[in-house]
C-alpha atoms as a PDB file:
ATOM      1  CA  MET A   1     -54.200 105.954 -28.554  1.00  0.00           C
ATOM      2  CA  ALA A   2     -54.281 109.722 -29.019  1.00  0.00           C
ATOM      3  CA  GLN A   3     -53.478 111.062 -32.415  1.00  0.00           C
ATOM      4  CA  GLN A   4     -50.323 113.163 -32.531  1.00  0.00           C
ATOM      5  CA  LYS A   5     -50.564 116.741 -33.683  1.00  0.00           C
ATOM      6  CA  PRO A   6     -48.207 117.764 -36.458  1.00  0.00           C
ATOM      7  CA  ASN A   7     -45.075 119.420 -35.160  1.00  0.00           C
ATOM      8  CA  PRO A   8     -44.474 122.684 -37.041  1.00  0.00           C
ATOM      9  CA  SER A   9     -40.750 122.568 -36.245  1.00  0.00           C
ATOM     10  CA  VAL A  10     -40.313 119.354 -38.245  1.00  0.00           C
ATOM     11  CA  ARG A  11     -38.719 119.971 -41.609  1.00  0.00           C
ATOM     12  CA  LEU A  12     -40.291 117.936 -44.352  1.00  0.00           C
ATOM     13  CA  ALA A  13     -38.264 116.189 -47.001  1.00  0.00           C
ATOM     14  CA  GLU A  14     -39.042 116.831 -50.646  1.00  0.00           C
ATOM     15  CA  ASN A  15     -41.679 114.089 -50.659  1.00  0.00           C
ATOM     16  CA  GLY A  16     -43.526 115.680 -47.724  1.00  0.00           C
ATOM     17  CA  ALA A  17     -42.272 113.262 -45.057  1.00  0.00           C
ATOM     18  CA  PRO A  18     -40.115 114.292 -42.079  1.00  0.00           C
ATOM     19  CA  SER A  19     -36.388 113.810 -42.595  1.00  0.00           C
ATOM     20  CA  LEU A  20     -34.617 110.918 -40.933  1.00  0.00           C
ATOM     21  CA  GLU A  21     -32.761 113.334 -38.651  1.00  0.00           C
ATOM     22  CA  GLU A  22     -36.030 114.880 -37.512  1.00  0.00           C
ATOM     23  CA  LEU A  23     -37.566 111.473 -36.861  1.00  0.00           C
ATOM     24  CA  ARG A  24     -34.557 110.467 -34.783  1.00  0.00           C
ATOM     25  CA  ALA A  25     -34.728 113.728 -32.825  1.00  0.00           C
ATOM     26  CA  GLN A  26     -38.428 113.187 -32.168  1.00  0.00           C
ATOM     27  CA  ARG A  27     -37.768 109.618 -31.020  1.00  0.00           C
ATOM     28  CA  ARG A  28     -35.023 110.805 -28.633  1.00  0.00           C
ATOM     29  CA  GLU A  29     -37.304 113.511 -27.240  1.00  0.00           C
ATOM     30  CA  ARG A  30     -40.130 111.023 -26.785  1.00  0.00           C
ATOM     31  CA  ALA A  31     -37.810 108.530 -25.081  1.00  0.00           C
ATOM     32  CA  GLU A  32     -36.537 111.247 -22.729  1.00  0.00           C
ATOM     33  CA  THR A  33     -40.081 112.349 -21.933  1.00  0.00           C
ATOM     34  CA  ASN A  34     -41.124 108.744 -21.277  1.00  0.00           C
ATOM     35  CA  ARG A  35     -38.120 108.254 -18.982  1.00  0.00           C
ATOM     36  CA  ARG A  36     -38.981 111.394 -17.026  1.00  0.00           C
ATOM     37  CA  VAL A  37     -42.612 110.285 -16.684  1.00  0.00           C
ATOM     38  CA  GLU A  38     -41.535 106.877 -15.375  1.00  0.00           C
ATOM     39  CA  ASP A  39     -39.139 108.540 -12.908  1.00  0.00           C
ATOM     40  CA  LEU A  40     -41.954 110.760 -11.660  1.00  0.00           C
ATOM     41  CA  LYS A  41     -44.267 107.760 -11.276  1.00  0.00           C
ATOM     42  CA  LEU A  42     -41.659 106.002  -9.142  1.00  0.00           C
ATOM     43  CA  ARG A  43     -41.150 109.082  -6.968  1.00  0.00           C
ATOM     44  CA  LEU A  44     -44.895 109.436  -6.502  1.00  0.00           C
ATOM     45  CA  LEU A  45     -45.221 105.767  -5.547  1.00  0.00           C
ATOM     46  CA  ARG A  46     -42.429 106.067  -2.976  1.00  0.00           C
ATOM     47  CA  ILE A  47     -43.944 109.221  -1.493  1.00  0.00           C
ATOM     48  CA  THR A  48     -47.373 107.578  -1.345  1.00  0.00           C
ATOM     49  CA  GLU A  49     -45.973 104.490   0.381  1.00  0.00           C
ATOM     50  CA  GLN A  50     -44.093 106.632   2.890  1.00  0.00           C
ATOM     51  CA  HIS A  51     -47.167 108.674   3.754  1.00  0.00           C
ATOM     52  CA  MET A  52     -49.305 105.538   3.992  1.00  0.00           C
ATOM     53  CA  ASP A  53     -46.826 104.065   6.472  1.00  0.00           C
ATOM     54  CA  GLN A  54     -46.930 107.278   8.500  1.00  0.00           C
ATOM     55  CA  ALA A  55     -50.738 107.280   8.477  1.00  0.00           C
ATOM     56  CA  VAL A  56     -50.876 103.657   9.652  1.00  0.00           C
ATOM     57  CA  ARG A  57     -48.450 104.376  12.506  1.00  0.00           C
ATOM     58  CA  LEU A  58     -50.497 107.404  13.551  1.00  0.00           C
ATOM     59  CA  ILE A  59     -53.774 105.442  13.505  1.00  0.00           C
ATOM     60  CA  ARG A  60     -52.206 102.620  15.548  1.00  0.00           C
ATOM     61  CA  ARG A  61     -50.941 105.158  18.072  1.00  0.00           C
ATOM     62  CA  TRP A  62     -54.433 106.665  18.362  1.00  0.00           C
ATOM     63  CA  LEU A  63     -55.970 103.221  18.850  1.00  0.00           C
ATOM     64  CA  ARG A  64     -53.440 102.354  21.565  1.00  0.00           C
ATOM     65  CA  ALA A  65     -54.097 105.680  23.287  1.00  0.00           C
ATOM     66  CA  GLN A  66     -57.848 104.924  23.386  1.00  0.00           C
ATOM     67  CA  ASP A  67     -57.317 101.584  25.158  1.00  0.00           C
END
């Protein structure tokens, strides 16, 4: 897994660790990003399936036209 780069916008608590609020905000942002990525994957899959169906229909039409 890729190592995360430190986020300069994260405020550090006195002990040098990010505050609980910052960790929660990062987790929400990461969850939102993950959701958007999954949504995009689904859209891409649907588009790919649709175009594959269109390509198959076109090839079948060409084969019928050659007979």
